[in-house]
Amino acid sequence: MKILVIGGQGFIGSHCIRYFSAKGHDVWACGLRHSEQANFTQITKFNADFSSLFTPRHYDVCINASGSANVAFSFEYPEIDFELNVSNVNKLLSIIKKENPTCKFINLSSAAVYGNPAVLPIKEESPTKPVSPYGFHKLQSEYLLTEYANFFGLATCSLRIFSAYGEGIKKQLFWDLYQKSLQQKPICLFGTGNETRDFIHIDDLLQVIELIITKAPCKGEVYNAATGTSTTIREVATLFFKELDNRINFGFSNEQKQGDPLYWQADISALQQLGFVQTVSKEEGIKRYVQWLKTNEFK
């Protein structure tokens, strides 16, 4: 297959490039920073023009791993978050409709569309009640995919990714824990520690993306991308510091961060019907991530 990865220099995008290239696919990518790698196009962050990606060639699949993934940023700059997470998706769909209508479009959405669900585990049919501009914008991008599938016949699918992590990520919980370990002891974290997340390692997320490409109907539907396991922040923080440095003490402020949901656990029945089986446990995933941190010695 010929695959285009939008946001190829980000955490998920860069893993997509390596994964699909290793499987023998013809992979192209775009990103914000200059790169000497083959089949790469640099684009601007704002007022991005994606047309040059599609006019010289056509693709079988386009994976959109671009956009902003910062809840706090979406409160401070909602107009920028909208451009990066909604307007750019509309641009891509419009260009694909015109230049490459046979291209399958996979958009990486977020579990943030659910907000604080009333019932767990969360099904794809559960009410969507975002608690941040970021969550609203991800939901709007999903509507765009459904629109282009229903009215223009494009093959589209949205992945509602829960808490993805793994080697290479430099944001969100585990990176934050590492950065705090360099700056302060004991460590104080937001919340009570009883908040839950559904963590999925990047290797399993790549499996999900491949299953969506090869087996999903891609008629504007959405899928939860998770493992179906609920884990408290206290538990994963304990596992993390056990691997990093078991002398580190940590606690919780009991202060909730704006826009963060309280409890998440996904129903992954639809994903399992496509053949998904978790391969990386949270214990193994955290161990590998800490090994990556120690190998690279970030400061």
C-alpha atoms as a PDB file:
ATOM      1  CA  MET A   1       0.000   0.000   0.000  1.00  0.00           C
ATOM      2  CA  LYS A   2       0.972   3.617  -0.478  1.00  0.00           C
ATOM      3  CA  ILE A   3       0.429   5.352   2.873  1.00  0.00           C
ATOM      4  CA  LEU A   4       0.599   9.055   3.735  1.00  0.00           C
ATOM      5  CA  VAL A   5       1.155  10.023   7.382  1.00  0.00           C
ATOM      6  CA  ILE A   6       0.167  13.572   8.304  1.00  0.00           C
ATOM      7  CA  GLY A   7       2.114  14.633  11.396  1.00  0.00           C
ATOM      8  CA  GLY A   8       4.924  12.198  10.750  1.00  0.00           C
ATOM      9  CA  GLN A   9       7.267  13.806  13.290  1.00  0.00           C
ATOM     10  CA  GLY A  10       4.933  13.391  16.251  1.00  0.00           C
ATOM     11  CA  PHE A  11       4.826  10.481  18.671  1.00  0.00           C
ATOM     12  CA  ILE A  12       2.182   8.367  16.931  1.00  0.00           C
ATOM     13  CA  GLY A  13       3.024   9.540  13.417  1.00  0.00           C
ATOM     14  CA  SER A  14       6.719   8.672  13.665  1.00  0.00           C
ATOM     15  CA  HIS A  15       5.866   5.208  14.980  1.00  0.00           C
ATOM     16  CA  CYS A  16       3.424   4.751  12.072  1.00  0.00           C
ATOM     17  CA  ILE A  17       6.172   5.538   9.584  1.00  0.00           C
ATOM     18  CA  ARG A  18       8.562   2.971  11.073  1.00  0.00           C
ATOM     19  CA  TYR A  19       5.871   0.329  11.509  1.00  0.00           C
ATOM     20  CA  PHE A  20       4.390   0.444   8.028  1.00  0.00           C
ATOM     21  CA  SER A  21       7.758   0.934   6.330  1.00  0.00           C
ATOM     22  CA  ALA A  22       9.068  -2.201   8.082  1.00  0.00           C
ATOM     23  CA  LYS A  23       6.088  -4.097   6.651  1.00  0.00           C
ATOM     24  CA  GLY A  24       7.120  -3.151   3.118  1.00  0.00           C
ATOM     25  CA  HIS A  25       4.589  -0.408   2.440  1.00  0.00           C
ATOM     26  CA  ASP A  26       5.435   2.730   0.472  1.00  0.00           C
ATOM     27  CA  VAL A  27       5.212   5.401   3.194  1.00  0.00           C
ATOM     28  CA  TRP A  28       5.180   9.171   2.684  1.00  0.00           C
ATOM     29  CA  ALA A  29       4.957  11.794   5.413  1.00  0.00           C
ATOM     30  CA  CYS A  30       4.719  15.481   6.215  1.00  0.00           C
ATOM     31  CA  GLY A  31       5.654  17.460   9.299  1.00  0.00           C
ATOM     32  CA  LEU A  32       6.541  20.893  10.631  1.00  0.00           C
ATOM     33  CA  ARG A  33      10.327  20.558  10.892  1.00  0.00           C
ATOM     34  CA  HIS A  34      12.852  20.151   8.108  1.00  0.00           C
ATOM     35  CA  SER A  35      13.916  16.568   7.502  1.00  0.00           C
ATOM     36  CA  GLU A  36      16.314  14.805   5.168  1.00  0.00           C
ATOM     37  CA  GLN A  37      14.377  11.545   5.284  1.00  0.00           C
ATOM     38  CA  ALA A  38      13.034  10.203   2.013  1.00  0.00           C
ATOM     39  CA  ASN A  39       9.438  10.829   0.974  1.00  0.00           C
ATOM     40  CA  PHE A  40       9.044  13.742   3.399  1.00  0.00           C
ATOM     41  CA  THR A  41       7.394  17.131   2.843  1.00  0.00           C
ATOM     42  CA  GLN A  42       7.654  20.056   5.245  1.00  0.00           C
ATOM     43  CA  ILE A  43       4.482  22.074   5.844  1.00  0.00           C
ATOM     44  CA  THR A  44       3.663  25.158   7.877  1.00  0.00           C
ATOM     45  CA  LYS A  45       1.825  24.914  11.195  1.00  0.00           C
ATOM     46  CA  PHE A  46      -0.728  27.604  10.379  1.00  0.00           C
ATOM     47  CA  ASN A  47      -2.641  28.028   7.116  1.00  0.00           C
ATOM     48  CA  ALA A  48      -1.225  24.688   6.044  1.00  0.00           C
ATOM     49  CA  ASP A  49      -1.516  23.813   2.357  1.00  0.00           C
ATOM     50  CA  PHE A  50      -1.876  20.051   1.936  1.00  0.00           C
ATOM     51  CA  SER A  51      -2.648  20.153  -1.793  1.00  0.00           C
ATOM     52  CA  SER A  52       0.993  19.618  -2.785  1.00  0.00           C
ATOM     53  CA  LEU A  53       0.907  16.234  -1.057  1.00  0.00           C
ATOM     54  CA  PHE A  54      -1.842  14.875  -3.295  1.00  0.00           C
ATOM     55  CA  THR A  55      -1.257  16.489  -6.696  1.00  0.00           C
ATOM     56  CA  PRO A  56       1.952  14.598  -7.570  1.00  0.00           C
ATOM     57  CA  ARG A  57       0.735  11.187  -6.371  1.00  0.00           C
ATOM     58  CA  HIS A  58      -2.212   9.244  -5.024  1.00  0.00           C
ATOM     59  CA  TYR A  59      -2.367   7.141  -1.854  1.00  0.00           C
ATOM     60  CA  ASP A  60      -4.290   4.125  -0.667  1.00  0.00           C
ATOM     61  CA  VAL A  61      -4.414   5.386   2.921  1.00  0.00           C
ATOM     62  CA  CYS A  62      -3.965   8.718   4.697  1.00  0.00           C
ATOM     63  CA  ILE A  63      -3.404   8.620   8.467  1.00  0.00           C
ATOM     64  CA  ASN A  64      -3.975  11.966  10.141  1.00  0.00           C
ATOM     65  CA  ALA A  65      -1.755  11.988  13.240  1.00  0.00           C
ATOM     66  CA  SER A  66      -1.430  15.772  13.267  1.00  0.00           C
ATOM     67  CA  GLY A  67      -3.060  18.460  15.372  1.00  0.00           C
ATOM     68  CA  SER A  68      -2.806  19.727  18.909  1.00  0.00           C
ATOM     69  CA  ALA A  69      -3.182  17.317  21.839  1.00  0.00           C
ATOM     70  CA  ASN A  70      -2.958  19.735  24.738  1.00  0.00           C
ATOM     71  CA  VAL A  71      -6.097  20.288  26.815  1.00  0.00           C
ATOM     72  CA  ALA A  72      -4.704  23.286  28.715  1.00  0.00           C
ATOM     73  CA  PHE A  73      -3.634  24.902  25.436  1.00  0.00           C
ATOM     74  CA  SER A  74      -7.163  24.514  24.049  1.00  0.00           C
ATOM     75  CA  PHE A  75      -8.547  26.602  26.917  1.00  0.00           C
ATOM     76  CA  GLU A  76      -5.981  29.348  26.370  1.00  0.00           C
ATOM     77  CA  TYR A  77      -6.043  29.336  22.553  1.00  0.00           C
ATOM     78  CA  PRO A  78      -9.300  27.696  21.414  1.00  0.00           C
ATOM     79  CA  GLU A  79      -9.098  29.332  17.984  1.00  0.00           C
ATOM     80  CA  ILE A  80      -5.692  27.753  17.305  1.00  0.00           C
ATOM     81  CA  ASP A  81      -6.826  24.379  18.619  1.00  0.00           C
ATOM     82  CA  PHE A  82      -9.825  24.601  16.278  1.00  0.00           C
ATOM     83  CA  GLU A  83      -7.598  25.294  13.285  1.00  0.00           C
ATOM     84  CA  LEU A  84      -5.243  22.414  14.042  1.00  0.00           C
ATOM     85  CA  ASN A  85      -7.888  19.835  14.988  1.00  0.00           C
ATOM     86  CA  VAL A  86     -10.886  20.786  12.848  1.00  0.00           C
ATOM     87  CA  SER A  87      -9.999  23.137   9.980  1.00  0.00           C
ATOM     88  CA  ASN A  88      -7.030  21.032   8.890  1.00  0.00           C
ATOM     89  CA  VAL A  89      -9.171  17.895   8.865  1.00  0.00           C
ATOM     90  CA  ASN A  90     -11.688  19.690   6.650  1.00  0.00           C
ATOM     91  CA  LYS A  91      -8.880  20.758   4.310  1.00  0.00           C
ATOM     92  CA  LEU A  92      -7.582  17.206   4.029  1.00  0.00           C
ATOM     93  CA  LEU A  93     -11.018  15.747   3.350  1.00  0.00           C
ATOM     94  CA  SER A  94     -11.739  18.406   0.723  1.00  0.00           C
ATOM     95  CA  ILE A  95      -8.478  17.712  -1.094  1.00  0.00           C
ATOM     96  CA  ILE A  96      -8.952  13.944  -0.936  1.00  0.00           C
ATOM     97  CA  LYS A  97     -12.481  14.323  -2.311  1.00  0.00           C
ATOM     98  CA  LYS A  98     -11.121  16.306  -5.242  1.00  0.00           C
ATOM     99  CA  GLU A  99      -7.757  14.697  -5.968  1.00  0.00           C
ATOM    100  CA  ASN A 100      -7.743  11.202  -4.461  1.00  0.00           C
ATOM    101  CA  PRO A 101     -11.306   9.990  -3.721  1.00  0.00           C
ATOM    102  CA  THR A 102     -10.246   6.336  -3.390  1.00  0.00           C
ATOM    103  CA  CYS A 103      -7.919   7.174  -0.487  1.00  0.00           C
ATOM    104  CA  LYS A 104      -8.951   5.758   2.887  1.00  0.00           C
ATOM    105  CA  PHE A 105      -8.779   8.494   5.575  1.00  0.00           C
ATOM    106  CA  ILE A 106      -8.042   7.468   9.168  1.00  0.00           C
ATOM    107  CA  ASN A 107      -8.334  10.305  11.688  1.00  0.00           C
ATOM    108  CA  LEU A 108      -6.843  10.039  15.169  1.00  0.00           C
ATOM    109  CA  SER A 109      -9.508  11.412  17.483  1.00  0.00           C
ATOM    110  CA  SER A 110      -9.612  11.210  21.278  1.00  0.00           C
ATOM    111  CA  ALA A 111     -11.556   9.753  24.185  1.00  0.00           C
ATOM    112  CA  ALA A 112     -11.830  13.400  25.289  1.00  0.00           C
ATOM    113  CA  VAL A 113     -15.050  13.491  23.254  1.00  0.00           C
ATOM    114  CA  TYR A 114     -16.735  11.522  26.068  1.00  0.00           C
ATOM    115  CA  GLY A 115     -15.892  13.894  28.924  1.00  0.00           C
ATOM    116  CA  ASN A 116     -17.026  12.364  32.233  1.00  0.00           C
ATOM    117  CA  PRO A 117     -19.161   9.366  31.280  1.00  0.00           C
ATOM    118  CA  ALA A 118     -22.082   8.358  33.479  1.00  0.00           C
ATOM    119  CA  VAL A 119     -21.514   4.647  32.841  1.00  0.00           C
ATOM    120  CA  LEU A 120     -18.372   2.547  32.456  1.00  0.00           C
ATOM    121  CA  PRO A 121     -17.073   0.972  30.327  1.00  0.00           C
ATOM    122  CA  ILE A 122     -17.588   3.583  27.609  1.00  0.00           C
ATOM    123  CA  LYS A 123     -19.158   2.332  24.391  1.00  0.00           C
ATOM    124  CA  GLU A 124     -18.855   4.103  21.056  1.00  0.00           C
ATOM    125  CA  GLU A 125     -22.579   4.811  21.367  1.00  0.00           C
ATOM    126  CA  SER A 126     -22.168   6.464  24.790  1.00  0.00           C
ATOM    127  CA  PRO A 127     -23.137  10.160  25.016  1.00  0.00           C
ATOM    128  CA  THR A 128     -20.402  12.589  24.007  1.00  0.00           C
ATOM    129  CA  LYS A 129     -20.040  15.427  26.520  1.00  0.00           C
ATOM    130  CA  PRO A 130     -16.576  16.990  26.163  1.00  0.00           C
ATOM    131  CA  VAL A 131     -15.237  18.967  29.127  1.00  0.00           C
ATOM    132  CA  SER A 132     -12.654  20.936  27.128  1.00  0.00           C
ATOM    133  CA  PRO A 133     -12.414  22.824  23.829  1.00  0.00           C
ATOM    134  CA  TYR A 134      -9.982  20.098  22.732  1.00  0.00           C
ATOM    135  CA  GLY A 135     -12.656  17.448  23.240  1.00  0.00           C
ATOM    136  CA  PHE A 136     -15.259  19.527  21.381  1.00  0.00           C
ATOM    137  CA  HIS A 137     -12.901  20.027  18.470  1.00  0.00           C
ATOM    138  CA  LYS A 138     -12.065  16.331  18.218  1.00  0.00           C
ATOM    139  CA  LEU A 139     -15.791  15.593  18.149  1.00  0.00           C
ATOM    140  CA  GLN A 140     -16.301  18.142  15.380  1.00  0.00           C
ATOM    141  CA  SER A 141     -13.565  16.478  13.342  1.00  0.00           C
ATOM    142  CA  GLU A 142     -15.403  13.163  13.685  1.00  0.00           C
ATOM    143  CA  TYR A 143     -18.572  14.768  12.337  1.00  0.00           C
ATOM    144  CA  LEU A 144     -16.605  15.929   9.302  1.00  0.00           C
ATOM    145  CA  LEU A 145     -15.477  12.380   8.576  1.00  0.00           C
ATOM    146  CA  THR A 146     -19.054  11.143   8.823  1.00  0.00           C
ATOM    147  CA  GLU A 147     -20.224  13.959   6.547  1.00  0.00           C
ATOM    148  CA  TYR A 148     -17.714  13.137   3.821  1.00  0.00           C
ATOM    149  CA  ALA A 149     -18.493   9.438   4.091  1.00  0.00           C
ATOM    150  CA  ASN A 150     -22.280   9.877   3.944  1.00  0.00           C
ATOM    151  CA  PHE A 151     -22.530  12.583   1.291  1.00  0.00           C
ATOM    152  CA  PHE A 152     -19.431  12.087  -0.843  1.00  0.00           C
ATOM    153  CA  GLY A 153     -18.635   8.395  -0.460  1.00  0.00           C
ATOM    154  CA  LEU A 154     -15.176   8.780   1.035  1.00  0.00           C
ATOM    155  CA  ALA A 155     -13.792   5.900   3.096  1.00  0.00           C
ATOM    156  CA  THR A 156     -13.288   7.417   6.558  1.00  0.00           C
ATOM    157  CA  CYS A 157     -12.904   6.229  10.126  1.00  0.00           C
ATOM    158  CA  SER A 158     -12.149   7.928  13.459  1.00  0.00           C
ATOM    159  CA  LEU A 159     -10.153   6.358  16.278  1.00  0.00           C
ATOM    160  CA  ARG A 160     -11.044   7.562  19.760  1.00  0.00           C
ATOM    161  CA  ILE A 161      -7.662   7.026  21.365  1.00  0.00           C
ATOM    162  CA  PHE A 162      -7.627   6.767  25.134  1.00  0.00           C
ATOM    163  CA  SER A 163      -4.279   7.100  26.990  1.00  0.00           C
ATOM    164  CA  ALA A 164      -1.584   6.177  24.468  1.00  0.00           C
ATOM    165  CA  TYR A 165       2.003   5.966  25.674  1.00  0.00           C
ATOM    166  CA  GLY A 166       5.321   4.333  24.856  1.00  0.00           C
ATOM    167  CA  GLU A 167       8.899   4.895  23.852  1.00  0.00           C
ATOM    168  CA  GLY A 168       9.342   8.328  22.299  1.00  0.00           C
ATOM    169  CA  ILE A 169       6.477  10.209  23.928  1.00  0.00           C
ATOM    170  CA  LYS A 170       7.505  13.515  25.483  1.00  0.00           C
ATOM    171  CA  LYS A 171       4.200  14.715  26.892  1.00  0.00           C
ATOM    172  CA  GLN A 172       1.328  13.603  29.117  1.00  0.00           C
ATOM    173  CA  LEU A 173       1.489  11.557  32.322  1.00  0.00           C
ATOM    174  CA  PHE A 174       4.651   9.466  32.133  1.00  0.00           C
ATOM    175  CA  TRP A 175       6.793  12.212  30.650  1.00  0.00           C
ATOM    176  CA  ASP A 176       5.431  14.575  33.303  1.00  0.00           C
ATOM    177  CA  LEU A 177       6.343  12.083  36.041  1.00  0.00           C
ATOM    178  CA  TYR A 178       9.864  11.857  34.661  1.00  0.00           C
ATOM    179  CA  GLN A 179      10.276  15.635  34.446  1.00  0.00           C
ATOM    180  CA  LYS A 180       9.026  16.041  38.017  1.00  0.00           C
ATOM    181  CA  SER A 181      11.507  13.416  39.178  1.00  0.00           C
ATOM    182  CA  LEU A 182      14.320  15.654  37.930  1.00  0.00           C
ATOM    183  CA  GLN A 183      13.043  18.789  39.649  1.00  0.00           C
ATOM    184  CA  GLN A 184      11.475  18.003  42.982  1.00  0.00           C
ATOM    185  CA  LYS A 185      11.260  15.409  45.740  1.00  0.00           C
ATOM    186  CA  PRO A 186       8.769  14.495  47.047  1.00  0.00           C
ATOM    187  CA  ILE A 187       6.554  14.839  43.996  1.00  0.00           C
ATOM    188  CA  CYS A 188       3.031  16.298  44.076  1.00  0.00           C
ATOM    189  CA  LEU A 189       0.559  15.315  41.358  1.00  0.00           C
ATOM    190  CA  PHE A 190      -2.864  16.700  40.449  1.00  0.00           C
ATOM    191  CA  GLY A 191      -5.994  14.903  41.595  1.00  0.00           C
ATOM    192  CA  THR A 192      -6.529  12.260  44.251  1.00  0.00           C
ATOM    193  CA  GLY A 193      -4.725   9.369  42.573  1.00  0.00           C
ATOM    194  CA  ASN A 194      -8.002   7.462  42.284  1.00  0.00           C
ATOM    195  CA  GLU A 195      -8.772   8.854  38.829  1.00  0.00           C
ATOM    196  CA  THR A 196      -8.640   6.129  36.203  1.00  0.00           C
ATOM    197  CA  ARG A 197      -7.393   5.855  32.642  1.00  0.00           C
ATOM    198  CA  ASP A 198      -7.326   3.157  29.983  1.00  0.00           C
ATOM    199  CA  PHE A 199      -3.691   2.967  28.873  1.00  0.00           C
ATOM    200  CA  ILE A 200      -2.673   1.561  25.500  1.00  0.00           C
ATOM    201  CA  HIS A 201       0.943   1.044  24.478  1.00  0.00           C
ATOM    202  CA  ILE A 202       2.046   2.368  21.091  1.00  0.00           C
ATOM    203  CA  ASP A 203       2.679  -1.164  19.787  1.00  0.00           C
ATOM    204  CA  ASP A 204      -0.947  -2.071  20.429  1.00  0.00           C
ATOM    205  CA  LEU A 205      -2.157   1.226  18.974  1.00  0.00           C
ATOM    206  CA  LEU A 206      -0.250   0.468  15.765  1.00  0.00           C
ATOM    207  CA  GLN A 207      -1.992  -2.906  15.673  1.00  0.00           C
ATOM    208  CA  VAL A 208      -5.312  -1.051  16.005  1.00  0.00           C
ATOM    209  CA  ILE A 209      -4.505   1.319  13.141  1.00  0.00           C
ATOM    210  CA  GLU A 210      -3.530  -1.585  10.894  1.00  0.00           C
ATOM    211  CA  LEU A 211      -6.747  -3.452  11.741  1.00  0.00           C
ATOM    212  CA  ILE A 212      -8.812  -0.349  10.930  1.00  0.00           C
ATOM    213  CA  ILE A 213      -7.065   0.009   7.573  1.00  0.00           C
ATOM    214  CA  THR A 214      -7.481  -3.634   6.591  1.00  0.00           C
ATOM    215  CA  LYS A 215     -10.756  -4.708   8.215  1.00  0.00           C
ATOM    216  CA  ALA A 216     -12.983  -1.784   9.202  1.00  0.00           C
ATOM    217  CA  PRO A 217     -15.854  -0.745   6.888  1.00  0.00           C
ATOM    218  CA  CYS A 218     -14.594   2.878   6.940  1.00  0.00           C
ATOM    219  CA  LYS A 219     -18.011   4.405   6.386  1.00  0.00           C
ATOM    220  CA  GLY A 220     -17.620   7.272   8.825  1.00  0.00           C
ATOM    221  CA  GLU A 221     -17.757   5.108  11.952  1.00  0.00           C
ATOM    222  CA  VAL A 222     -15.760   5.500  15.189  1.00  0.00           C
ATOM    223  CA  TYR A 223     -13.801   2.977  17.237  1.00  0.00           C
ATOM    224  CA  ASN A 224     -12.455   3.098  20.766  1.00  0.00           C
ATOM    225  CA  ALA A 225      -8.680   2.567  20.753  1.00  0.00           C
ATOM    226  CA  ALA A 226      -7.806   1.187  24.177  1.00  0.00           C
ATOM    227  CA  THR A 227      -7.290  -2.077  26.059  1.00  0.00           C
ATOM    228  CA  GLY A 228     -10.532  -2.169  28.031  1.00  0.00           C
ATOM    229  CA  THR A 229      -8.684  -2.057  31.363  1.00  0.00           C
ATOM    230  CA  SER A 230      -9.212   0.622  34.007  1.00  0.00           C
ATOM    231  CA  THR A 231      -6.101   1.635  35.987  1.00  0.00           C
ATOM    232  CA  THR A 232      -5.733   4.335  38.647  1.00  0.00           C
ATOM    233  CA  ILE A 233      -3.186   7.108  38.310  1.00  0.00           C
ATOM    234  CA  ARG A 234      -1.784   6.068  41.680  1.00  0.00           C
ATOM    235  CA  GLU A 235      -1.157   2.542  40.416  1.00  0.00           C
ATOM    236  CA  VAL A 236       0.664   3.539  37.238  1.00  0.00           C
ATOM    237  CA  ALA A 237       2.678   6.210  39.073  1.00  0.00           C
ATOM    238  CA  THR A 238       3.759   3.544  41.565  1.00  0.00           C
ATOM    239  CA  LEU A 239       4.794   1.222  38.728  1.00  0.00           C
ATOM    240  CA  PHE A 240       6.643   4.040  36.996  1.00  0.00           C
ATOM    241  CA  PHE A 241       8.699   5.135  40.012  1.00  0.00           C
ATOM    242  CA  LYS A 242       9.421   1.517  40.927  1.00  0.00           C
ATOM    243  CA  GLU A 243      11.175   1.196  37.560  1.00  0.00           C
ATOM    244  CA  LEU A 244      12.735   4.663  37.564  1.00  0.00           C
ATOM    245  CA  ASP A 245      13.812   5.090  41.195  1.00  0.00           C
ATOM    246  CA  ASN A 246      11.950   3.423  44.047  1.00  0.00           C
ATOM    247  CA  ARG A 247      13.324   5.984  46.509  1.00  0.00           C
ATOM    248  CA  ILE A 248      11.062   8.659  45.047  1.00  0.00           C
ATOM    249  CA  ASN A 249       8.067   9.659  47.153  1.00  0.00           C
ATOM    250  CA  PHE A 250       4.944  11.116  45.594  1.00  0.00           C
ATOM    251  CA  GLY A 251       1.535  12.338  46.650  1.00  0.00           C
ATOM    252  CA  PHE A 252      -1.567  14.083  45.306  1.00  0.00           C
ATOM    253  CA  SER A 253      -2.842  17.646  45.693  1.00  0.00           C
ATOM    254  CA  ASN A 254      -6.574  16.749  45.563  1.00  0.00           C
ATOM    255  CA  GLU A 255      -6.858  19.569  43.006  1.00  0.00           C
ATOM    256  CA  GLN A 256      -8.474  18.674  39.697  1.00  0.00           C
ATOM    257  CA  LYS A 257      -6.894  19.990  36.523  1.00  0.00           C
ATOM    258  CA  GLN A 258      -9.297  21.882  34.262  1.00  0.00           C
ATOM    259  CA  GLY A 259     -10.576  19.770  31.379  1.00  0.00           C
ATOM    260  CA  ASP A 260      -9.332  16.438  32.726  1.00  0.00           C
ATOM    261  CA  PRO A 261     -11.935  13.662  33.051  1.00  0.00           C
ATOM    262  CA  LEU A 262     -12.183  11.627  36.247  1.00  0.00           C
ATOM    263  CA  TYR A 263     -12.743   8.025  35.189  1.00  0.00           C
ATOM    264  CA  TRP A 264     -12.146   6.245  31.900  1.00  0.00           C
ATOM    265  CA  GLN A 265     -12.492   2.660  30.780  1.00  0.00           C
ATOM    266  CA  ALA A 266     -13.286   1.723  27.206  1.00  0.00           C
ATOM    267  CA  ASP A 267     -15.550  -0.956  25.849  1.00  0.00           C
ATOM    268  CA  ILE A 268     -13.445  -2.445  23.043  1.00  0.00           C
ATOM    269  CA  SER A 269     -15.921  -5.064  21.805  1.00  0.00           C
ATOM    270  CA  ALA A 270     -16.045  -3.511  18.328  1.00  0.00           C
ATOM    271  CA  LEU A 271     -12.258  -3.492  18.114  1.00  0.00           C
ATOM    272  CA  GLN A 272     -12.016  -7.081  19.292  1.00  0.00           C
ATOM    273  CA  GLN A 273     -14.418  -8.114  16.547  1.00  0.00           C
ATOM    274  CA  LEU A 274     -11.803  -6.884  14.081  1.00  0.00           C
ATOM    275  CA  GLY A 275      -9.243  -9.140  15.769  1.00  0.00           C
ATOM    276  CA  PHE A 276      -7.575  -6.887  18.337  1.00  0.00           C
ATOM    277  CA  VAL A 277      -5.652  -8.612  21.145  1.00  0.00           C
ATOM    278  CA  GLN A 278      -3.551  -6.649  23.631  1.00  0.00           C
ATOM    279  CA  THR A 279       0.131  -7.627  23.397  1.00  0.00           C
ATOM    280  CA  VAL A 280       1.838  -5.207  25.814  1.00  0.00           C
ATOM    281  CA  SER A 281       0.778  -5.135  29.486  1.00  0.00           C
ATOM    282  CA  LYS A 282       0.995  -1.872  31.404  1.00  0.00           C
ATOM    283  CA  GLU A 283       3.804  -3.366  33.519  1.00  0.00           C
ATOM    284  CA  GLU A 284       5.848  -4.266  30.446  1.00  0.00           C
ATOM    285  CA  GLY A 285       4.978  -1.020  28.680  1.00  0.00           C
ATOM    286  CA  ILE A 286       6.063   1.154  31.604  1.00  0.00           C
ATOM    287  CA  LYS A 287       9.267  -0.872  32.004  1.00  0.00           C
ATOM    288  CA  ARG A 288      10.137  -0.337  28.340  1.00  0.00           C
ATOM    289  CA  TYR A 289       9.351   3.362  28.543  1.00  0.00           C
ATOM    290  CA  VAL A 290      11.585   3.860  31.582  1.00  0.00           C
ATOM    291  CA  GLN A 291      14.366   1.925  29.858  1.00  0.00           C
ATOM    292  CA  TRP A 292      14.033   4.297  26.906  1.00  0.00           C
ATOM    293  CA  LEU A 293      14.249   7.289  29.244  1.00  0.00           C
ATOM    294  CA  LYS A 294      17.359   5.930  30.939  1.00  0.00           C
ATOM    295  CA  THR A 295      19.003   5.089  27.645  1.00  0.00           C
ATOM    296  CA  ASN A 296      18.513   8.590  26.304  1.00  0.00           C
ATOM    297  CA  GLU A 297      19.208  10.393  29.601  1.00  0.00           C
ATOM    298  CA  PHE A 298      16.902  13.364  29.022  1.00  0.00           C
ATOM    299  CA  LYS A 299      17.483  16.423  31.163  1.00  0.00           C
END
